[in-house]
N, C-alpha and C. Protein backbone atom coordinates (compact mmCIF):
# COMPACT_ATOMS: atom_id res chain seq x y z
N MET A 1 27.24 18.89 -53.04
CA MET A 1 26.88 20.18 -52.47
C MET A 1 26.41 19.98 -51.03
N LEU A 2 26.80 20.89 -50.17
CA LEU A 2 26.41 20.80 -48.77
C LEU A 2 24.97 21.26 -48.57
N HIS A 3 24.34 20.65 -47.60
CA HIS A 3 22.99 21.06 -47.24
C HIS A 3 23.06 22.47 -46.64
N PRO A 4 22.09 23.34 -46.93
CA PRO A 4 22.15 24.72 -46.42
C PRO A 4 22.11 24.81 -44.89
N ASP A 5 21.56 23.81 -44.22
CA ASP A 5 21.49 23.83 -42.76
C ASP A 5 22.68 23.14 -42.09
N PHE A 6 23.68 22.81 -42.88
CA PHE A 6 24.87 22.13 -42.35
C PHE A 6 25.65 23.12 -41.49
N LYS A 7 25.83 22.81 -40.21
CA LYS A 7 26.45 23.73 -39.26
C LYS A 7 27.78 23.16 -38.76
N ASN A 8 28.73 23.07 -39.65
CA ASN A 8 30.02 22.49 -39.30
C ASN A 8 30.88 23.50 -38.53
N GLY A 9 31.39 23.11 -37.39
CA GLY A 9 32.33 23.93 -36.64
C GLY A 9 31.73 25.04 -35.80
N GLU A 10 30.43 25.07 -35.63
CA GLU A 10 29.84 26.15 -34.83
C GLU A 10 30.17 26.01 -33.35
N LYS A 11 30.34 24.82 -32.86
CA LYS A 11 30.62 24.60 -31.44
C LYS A 11 32.09 24.23 -31.22
N LEU A 12 32.95 24.59 -32.14
CA LEU A 12 34.37 24.27 -32.04
C LEU A 12 35.01 25.09 -30.92
N ASP A 13 35.72 24.43 -30.03
CA ASP A 13 36.41 25.10 -28.94
C ASP A 13 37.89 25.19 -29.30
N LEU A 14 38.32 26.35 -29.69
CA LEU A 14 39.68 26.54 -30.17
C LEU A 14 40.71 26.29 -29.07
N GLN A 15 40.43 26.68 -27.83
CA GLN A 15 41.37 26.47 -26.73
C GLN A 15 41.63 24.98 -26.50
N THR A 16 40.58 24.18 -26.53
CA THR A 16 40.74 22.74 -26.35
C THR A 16 41.54 22.14 -27.50
N ALA A 17 41.22 22.56 -28.72
CA ALA A 17 41.93 22.04 -29.88
C ALA A 17 43.42 22.39 -29.83
N LEU A 18 43.74 23.61 -29.45
CA LEU A 18 45.15 24.02 -29.38
C LEU A 18 45.89 23.30 -28.26
N SER A 19 45.24 23.10 -27.12
CA SER A 19 45.92 22.41 -26.02
C SER A 19 46.17 20.94 -26.39
N LEU A 20 45.23 20.30 -27.07
CA LEU A 20 45.45 18.92 -27.52
C LEU A 20 46.55 18.86 -28.57
N PHE A 21 46.64 19.88 -29.41
CA PHE A 21 47.72 19.95 -30.40
C PHE A 21 49.08 20.06 -29.69
N VAL A 22 49.17 20.87 -28.65
CA VAL A 22 50.43 21.02 -27.91
C VAL A 22 50.82 19.71 -27.25
N ILE A 23 49.86 19.01 -26.67
CA ILE A 23 50.14 17.71 -26.05
C ILE A 23 50.65 16.72 -27.09
N THR A 24 49.97 16.67 -28.24
CA THR A 24 50.36 15.74 -29.30
C THR A 24 51.75 16.06 -29.84
N MET A 25 52.03 17.33 -30.07
CA MET A 25 53.34 17.71 -30.58
C MET A 25 54.43 17.42 -29.55
N GLY A 26 54.17 17.64 -28.27
CA GLY A 26 55.13 17.29 -27.24
C GLY A 26 55.43 15.81 -27.23
N PHE A 27 54.39 14.99 -27.43
CA PHE A 27 54.59 13.54 -27.49
C PHE A 27 55.42 13.16 -28.71
N LEU A 28 55.12 13.76 -29.86
CA LEU A 28 55.89 13.46 -31.07
C LEU A 28 57.34 13.91 -30.93
N PHE A 29 57.57 15.05 -30.30
CA PHE A 29 58.94 15.50 -30.06
C PHE A 29 59.65 14.55 -29.09
N TYR A 30 58.90 14.02 -28.10
CA TYR A 30 59.48 13.11 -27.13
C TYR A 30 59.93 11.81 -27.79
N ILE A 31 59.19 11.35 -28.78
CA ILE A 31 59.57 10.12 -29.50
C ILE A 31 60.93 10.29 -30.15
N ASP A 32 61.19 11.47 -30.70
CA ASP A 32 62.42 11.71 -31.44
C ASP A 32 63.53 12.30 -30.57
N ALA A 33 63.25 12.63 -29.32
CA ALA A 33 64.22 13.34 -28.48
C ALA A 33 65.33 12.41 -28.01
N SER A 34 66.51 13.01 -27.90
CA SER A 34 67.62 12.28 -27.29
C SER A 34 67.52 12.47 -25.77
N PRO A 35 68.12 11.58 -25.01
CA PRO A 35 68.05 11.71 -23.54
C PRO A 35 68.68 13.02 -23.09
N GLY A 36 68.09 13.59 -22.07
CA GLY A 36 68.63 14.83 -21.53
C GLY A 36 67.67 15.99 -21.71
N SER A 37 68.20 17.10 -22.14
CA SER A 37 67.41 18.33 -22.18
C SER A 37 66.28 18.27 -23.22
N GLN A 38 66.49 17.57 -24.35
CA GLN A 38 65.41 17.47 -25.34
C GLN A 38 64.22 16.69 -24.79
N ALA A 39 64.50 15.61 -24.10
CA ALA A 39 63.43 14.81 -23.51
C ALA A 39 62.71 15.60 -22.42
N MET A 40 63.48 16.35 -21.63
CA MET A 40 62.88 17.16 -20.58
C MET A 40 61.98 18.24 -21.16
N MET A 41 62.42 18.92 -22.21
CA MET A 41 61.61 19.96 -22.83
C MET A 41 60.36 19.38 -23.48
N SER A 42 60.46 18.20 -24.05
CA SER A 42 59.29 17.55 -24.63
C SER A 42 58.28 17.19 -23.54
N ALA A 43 58.76 16.68 -22.43
CA ALA A 43 57.87 16.35 -21.32
C ALA A 43 57.23 17.62 -20.75
N LEU A 44 58.00 18.70 -20.65
CA LEU A 44 57.44 19.96 -20.17
C LEU A 44 56.40 20.52 -21.15
N THR A 45 56.61 20.31 -22.43
CA THR A 45 55.63 20.73 -23.43
C THR A 45 54.32 19.96 -23.25
N MET A 46 54.42 18.65 -23.03
CA MET A 46 53.22 17.85 -22.79
C MET A 46 52.52 18.29 -21.51
N LEU A 47 53.29 18.55 -20.46
CA LEU A 47 52.69 19.00 -19.20
C LEU A 47 52.03 20.37 -19.34
N ALA A 48 52.64 21.26 -20.13
CA ALA A 48 52.04 22.57 -20.37
C ALA A 48 50.71 22.42 -21.10
N GLY A 49 50.64 21.49 -22.07
CA GLY A 49 49.39 21.25 -22.77
C GLY A 49 48.32 20.69 -21.86
N VAL A 50 48.72 19.78 -20.97
CA VAL A 50 47.76 19.21 -20.02
C VAL A 50 47.27 20.30 -19.06
N ALA A 51 48.18 21.13 -18.57
CA ALA A 51 47.79 22.22 -17.67
C ALA A 51 46.84 23.19 -18.39
N TRP A 52 47.13 23.48 -19.65
CA TRP A 52 46.27 24.36 -20.44
C TRP A 52 44.87 23.75 -20.59
N LEU A 53 44.81 22.45 -20.90
CA LEU A 53 43.53 21.77 -21.07
C LEU A 53 42.73 21.77 -19.76
N ILE A 54 43.38 21.44 -18.67
CA ILE A 54 42.69 21.41 -17.37
C ILE A 54 42.27 22.82 -16.95
N GLY A 55 43.19 23.76 -17.13
CA GLY A 55 42.87 25.15 -16.77
C GLY A 55 41.70 25.69 -17.56
N HIS A 56 41.64 25.39 -18.83
CA HIS A 56 40.54 25.87 -19.65
C HIS A 56 39.22 25.21 -19.26
N SER A 57 39.26 23.91 -18.95
CA SER A 57 38.02 23.24 -18.54
C SER A 57 37.52 23.77 -17.20
N VAL A 58 38.44 24.08 -16.29
CA VAL A 58 38.04 24.68 -15.00
C VAL A 58 37.46 26.07 -15.24
N TRP A 59 38.09 26.83 -16.12
CA TRP A 59 37.60 28.18 -16.43
C TRP A 59 36.19 28.11 -17.02
N LYS A 60 35.95 27.15 -17.94
CA LYS A 60 34.62 27.00 -18.53
C LYS A 60 33.59 26.61 -17.48
N HIS A 61 34.02 25.82 -16.49
CA HIS A 61 33.09 25.39 -15.44
C HIS A 61 32.72 26.56 -14.52
N TRP A 62 33.69 27.40 -14.17
CA TRP A 62 33.44 28.48 -13.22
C TRP A 62 32.93 29.76 -13.88
N HIS A 63 33.09 29.90 -15.19
CA HIS A 63 32.63 31.09 -15.90
C HIS A 63 31.79 30.69 -17.11
N PRO A 64 30.61 30.10 -16.89
CA PRO A 64 29.82 29.62 -18.02
C PRO A 64 29.27 30.74 -18.90
N ALA A 65 29.21 31.97 -18.40
CA ALA A 65 28.66 33.07 -19.19
C ALA A 65 29.53 33.41 -20.38
N HIS A 66 30.81 33.01 -20.36
CA HIS A 66 31.74 33.30 -21.44
C HIS A 66 31.65 32.28 -22.57
N HIS A 67 30.89 31.22 -22.37
CA HIS A 67 30.81 30.15 -23.37
C HIS A 67 29.35 29.84 -23.66
N ASP A 68 29.11 29.37 -24.89
CA ASP A 68 27.73 29.01 -25.28
C ASP A 68 27.37 27.63 -24.80
């Protein structure tokens, strides 16, 4: 049984988790991709995840009132 004061997931940042998921999935797609357009789309997926992660961290830095 869990302790009543157990506070699992209260500080979970969904944007960070989703951007890391996109980066990971892009990497996994890149492993299986054939040369050409599949590899390019996988790399673009990873870059989109990195841009999302950086953009969100910059947003959190400049707008702290929106986050706890």
